[in-house]
Protein backbone atom coordinates (compact mmCIF):
# COMPACT_ATOMS: atom_id res chain seq x y z
CA MET A 1 -6.87 -1.00 0.16
CA ALA A 2 -6.20 -4.61 1.41
CA VAL A 3 -4.05 -4.99 4.11
CA THR A 4 -0.45 -5.24 3.31
CA ASN A 5 2.67 -6.48 5.36
CA VAL A 6 5.77 -5.04 4.17
CA GLU A 7 8.92 -6.26 5.77
CA ARG A 8 12.53 -4.23 5.83
CA LYS A 9 15.91 -5.00 7.20
CA ILE A 10 17.47 -2.46 9.54
CA THR A 11 20.62 -1.03 7.71
CA ARG A 12 23.33 1.36 8.22
CA ILE A 13 22.59 4.62 6.92
CA GLY A 14 25.90 6.89 7.74
CA ASN A 15 26.56 6.63 11.64
CA SER A 16 22.79 5.96 12.18
CA LEU A 17 20.71 2.57 11.50
CA GLY A 18 17.57 3.14 9.49
CA ILE A 19 15.00 1.41 6.93
CA THR A 20 14.02 2.15 3.36
CA LEU A 21 10.75 2.52 2.39
CA PRO A 22 9.35 1.10 -0.57
CA GLN A 23 7.60 2.87 -3.26
CA GLU A 24 4.04 1.18 -2.38
CA VAL A 25 4.30 2.58 1.16
CA LEU A 26 5.32 6.18 -0.34
CA ASP A 27 2.37 6.07 -2.46
CA HIS A 28 0.14 4.93 0.10
CA LEU A 29 1.08 7.60 2.45
CA GLN A 30 1.23 10.37 -0.36
CA VAL A 31 4.58 11.57 0.62
CA LYS A 32 7.89 12.65 -1.62
CA GLN A 33 11.19 13.35 -0.90
CA GLY A 34 11.14 16.31 1.49
CA ASP A 35 8.08 15.69 3.03
CA GLU A 36 7.83 15.18 6.94
CA ILE A 37 6.36 12.18 8.60
CA GLN A 38 5.07 11.77 12.33
CA LEU A 39 6.12 8.61 14.31
CA ARG A 40 3.87 7.68 17.11
CA LEU A 41 5.53 5.42 19.70
CA GLU A 42 2.97 3.16 21.54
CA LYS A 43 3.28 1.89 25.36
CA ASP A 44 3.02 -1.64 23.70
CA GLY A 45 6.15 -1.43 21.64
CA THR A 46 4.46 -0.70 18.07
CA VAL A 47 5.39 2.17 15.78
CA SER A 48 3.16 4.08 13.75
CA PHE A 49 3.69 6.77 11.55
CA LYS A 50 1.74 9.06 8.96
CA ARG A 51 1.97 12.19 6.67
CA GLN A 52 2.81 15.03 8.58
CA LYS A 53 0.01 17.83 7.49
CA LYS A 54 0.80 20.64 5.89
CA LEU A 55 -0.31 23.98 7.51
CA ASN A 56 -2.14 26.38 5.14
CA TYR A 57 -0.69 29.64 6.23
CA ASP A 58 -3.14 31.57 3.63
CA VAL A 59 -6.03 31.57 6.35
CA LEU A 60 -3.30 33.13 8.92
CA GLU A 61 -3.58 36.37 7.16
CA GLY A 62 -2.45 39.22 9.55
CA ILE A 63 -0.68 36.90 12.00
CA ASP A 64 2.88 38.01 12.80
CA GLN A 65 5.59 35.58 11.33
CA GLU A 66 7.62 35.92 14.30
CA PHE A 67 4.39 34.70 16.23
CA LEU A 68 4.09 32.08 14.19
CA ASP A 69 7.92 30.86 14.24
CA GLY A 70 7.53 31.02 18.01
CA MET A 71 4.62 28.64 17.84
CA GLN A 72 6.21 26.31 15.72
CA ASP A 73 9.35 26.16 17.77
CA LEU A 74 6.67 25.63 20.86
CA PHE A 75 5.51 22.64 19.26
CA ASP A 76 8.68 20.94 17.81
CA ASN A 77 10.16 21.18 21.39
CA TYR A 78 7.01 20.60 23.67
CA ASP A 79 5.09 18.56 21.41
CA GLN A 80 5.08 15.43 23.70
CA THR A 81 4.59 17.35 26.70
CA LEU A 82 1.66 18.85 25.32
CA LYS A 83 0.32 15.33 23.97
CA ASN A 84 0.89 14.05 27.80
CA LEU A 85 -1.40 16.42 29.23
CA VAL A 86 -4.27 15.59 27.17
CA ASP A 87 -4.08 12.24 28.90
CA ARG A 88 -4.49 13.83 32.39
């Protein structure tokens, strides 16, 4: 796929500001309503985002659901801290 520039204006969405994504971008990311994306904020001011990969829980047979929920909470709350540790 050739590099394509897509421009959007920031608009008010409720009490927040946001952008909408055209279908071309959604198709490229292979996402649909309800899917999650991951944003990456770079030190140079750029922002990139990608589709959040879904975990295959089938391979986790025998692992307690409470443990999995705890791990998800850990990553949700400390994701950036863990990523910062990689840079050390």
